[in-house]
Amino acid sequence: LASKTYCPPEKSGRVPTENCNGYVECVKGVQGNNRFDCAPGTIFDAAADTCNWPDAVLDCSPYIAYADGKATDEDLSSIN
């Protein structure tokens, strides 16, 4: 069974979850155990690397799920 993650291969840093409602921490493509939700009314701002007011976020790119290092179109809302 493929391991599913929000983290692109070799990515280190924060990566948004679906709808930019939060983020996960990645270290060299490996997702940490925690998922961090943004405070109500805010979304993850990848450019600022923190949660921010939606009108201040230039782009909330759709999240991409990865399995075995390859992008998928699977819904990962059930993973941590």
C-alpha atoms as a PDB file:
ATOM      1  CA  LEU A   1       0.000   0.000   0.000  1.00  0.00           C
ATOM      2  CA  ALA A   2       1.409   3.387  -1.001  1.00  0.00           C
ATOM      3  CA  SER A   3       2.203   5.903   1.690  1.00  0.00           C
ATOM      4  CA  LYS A   4       0.114   9.053   1.111  1.00  0.00           C
ATOM      5  CA  THR A   5       1.379  12.499   2.018  1.00  0.00           C
ATOM      6  CA  TYR A   6       0.995  16.206   1.266  1.00  0.00           C
ATOM      7  CA  CYS A   7       4.790  16.502   0.956  1.00  0.00           C
ATOM      8  CA  PRO A   8       6.423  16.609  -2.462  1.00  0.00           C
ATOM      9  CA  PRO A   9       9.582  14.531  -2.809  1.00  0.00           C
ATOM     10  CA  GLU A  10      12.590  16.179  -1.121  1.00  0.00           C
ATOM     11  CA  LYS A  11      10.459  19.120   0.151  1.00  0.00           C
ATOM     12  CA  SER A  12      11.380  20.622   3.516  1.00  0.00           C
ATOM     13  CA  GLY A  13       9.120  23.221   5.093  1.00  0.00           C
ATOM     14  CA  ARG A  14       5.399  23.877   5.425  1.00  0.00           C
ATOM     15  CA  VAL A  15       2.953  22.656   2.790  1.00  0.00           C
ATOM     16  CA  PRO A  16      -0.746  23.619   2.660  1.00  0.00           C
ATOM     17  CA  THR A  17      -3.504  21.101   3.261  1.00  0.00           C
ATOM     18  CA  GLU A  18      -6.764  21.058   1.288  1.00  0.00           C
ATOM     19  CA  ASN A  19      -8.356  24.472   0.770  1.00  0.00           C
ATOM     20  CA  CYS A  20      -5.333  25.996   2.568  1.00  0.00           C
ATOM     21  CA  ASN A  21      -7.153  25.508   5.883  1.00  0.00           C
ATOM     22  CA  GLY A  22      -3.863  24.501   7.489  1.00  0.00           C
ATOM     23  CA  TYR A  23      -0.472  22.990   6.820  1.00  0.00           C
ATOM     24  CA  VAL A  24       1.856  20.088   7.517  1.00  0.00           C
ATOM     25  CA  GLU A  25       5.604  20.141   8.121  1.00  0.00           C
ATOM     26  CA  CYS A  26       7.777  18.250   5.636  1.00  0.00           C
ATOM     27  CA  VAL A  27      11.406  17.200   6.051  1.00  0.00           C
ATOM     28  CA  LYS A  28      13.035  15.956   2.851  1.00  0.00           C
ATOM     29  CA  GLY A  29       9.658  14.798   1.517  1.00  0.00           C
ATOM     30  CA  VAL A  30       8.585  13.089   4.738  1.00  0.00           C
ATOM     31  CA  GLN A  31       5.460  14.410   6.410  1.00  0.00           C
ATOM     32  CA  GLY A  32       5.517  14.970  10.163  1.00  0.00           C
ATOM     33  CA  ASN A  33       2.879  13.410  12.393  1.00  0.00           C
ATOM     34  CA  ASN A  34       0.995  16.642  13.044  1.00  0.00           C
ATOM     35  CA  ARG A  35      -1.393  18.642  10.937  1.00  0.00           C
ATOM     36  CA  PHE A  36      -1.756  22.288  11.917  1.00  0.00           C
ATOM     37  CA  ASP A  37      -5.076  24.045  11.353  1.00  0.00           C
ATOM     38  CA  CYS A  38      -5.204  27.791  10.818  1.00  0.00           C
ATOM     39  CA  ALA A  39      -7.310  29.866  13.195  1.00  0.00           C
ATOM     40  CA  PRO A  40     -10.935  30.401  12.154  1.00  0.00           C
ATOM     41  CA  GLY A  41     -11.190  32.960   9.363  1.00  0.00           C
ATOM     42  CA  THR A  42      -7.577  32.494   8.222  1.00  0.00           C
ATOM     43  CA  ILE A  43      -5.873  30.306   5.612  1.00  0.00           C
ATOM     44  CA  PHE A  44      -2.294  29.190   5.037  1.00  0.00           C
ATOM     45  CA  ASP A  45      -0.221  31.710   3.116  1.00  0.00           C
ATOM     46  CA  ALA A  46       2.663  29.837   1.472  1.00  0.00           C
ATOM     47  CA  ALA A  47       4.443  33.080   0.536  1.00  0.00           C
ATOM     48  CA  ALA A  48       4.454  34.285   4.156  1.00  0.00           C
ATOM     49  CA  ASP A  49       4.840  30.730   5.534  1.00  0.00           C
ATOM     50  CA  THR A  50       2.074  31.317   8.099  1.00  0.00           C
ATOM     51  CA  CYS A  51      -1.690  31.598   8.414  1.00  0.00           C
ATOM     52  CA  ASN A  52      -3.088  34.892   7.191  1.00  0.00           C
ATOM     53  CA  TRP A  53      -6.338  36.677   6.369  1.00  0.00           C
ATOM     54  CA  PRO A  54      -7.736  35.421   3.030  1.00  0.00           C
ATOM     55  CA  ASP A  55      -7.665  38.867   1.417  1.00  0.00           C
ATOM     56  CA  ALA A  56      -3.932  39.088   2.164  1.00  0.00           C
ATOM     57  CA  VAL A  57      -3.138  35.717   0.522  1.00  0.00           C
ATOM     58  CA  LEU A  58      -2.190  36.140  -3.128  1.00  0.00           C
ATOM     59  CA  ASP A  59      -2.666  32.511  -4.118  1.00  0.00           C
ATOM     60  CA  CYS A  60      -4.084  29.456  -2.431  1.00  0.00           C
ATOM     61  CA  SER A  61      -2.919  26.779  -4.820  1.00  0.00           C
ATOM     62  CA  PRO A  62      -4.798  23.502  -4.623  1.00  0.00           C
ATOM     63  CA  TYR A  63      -2.994  20.967  -2.522  1.00  0.00           C
ATOM     64  CA  ILE A  64      -1.452  17.980  -4.222  1.00  0.00           C
ATOM     65  CA  ALA A  65      -1.388  14.518  -2.738  1.00  0.00           C
ATOM     66  CA  TYR A  66       1.684  12.359  -3.247  1.00  0.00           C
ATOM     67  CA  ALA A  67       2.061   8.593  -3.122  1.00  0.00           C
ATOM     68  CA  ASP A  68       5.401   6.880  -3.623  1.00  0.00           C
ATOM     69  CA  GLY A  69       6.892  10.200  -4.733  1.00  0.00           C
ATOM     70  CA  LYS A  70       4.350  10.784  -7.498  1.00  0.00           C
ATOM     71  CA  ALA A  71       1.547  13.359  -7.569  1.00  0.00           C
ATOM     72  CA  THR A  72      -1.971  11.954  -7.352  1.00  0.00           C
ATOM     73  CA  ASP A  73      -5.450  13.428  -7.421  1.00  0.00           C
ATOM     74  CA  GLU A  74      -6.571  11.589  -4.294  1.00  0.00           C
ATOM     75  CA  ASP A  75      -8.366  13.295  -1.433  1.00  0.00           C
ATOM     76  CA  LEU A  76      -6.102  13.232   1.612  1.00  0.00           C
ATOM     77  CA  SER A  77      -8.473  14.951   4.031  1.00  0.00           C
ATOM     78  CA  SER A  78      -8.468  11.844   6.207  1.00  0.00           C
ATOM     79  CA  ILE A  79      -4.690  11.738   6.772  1.00  0.00           C
ATOM     80  CA  ASN A  80      -2.865  13.588   9.527  1.00  0.00           C
END
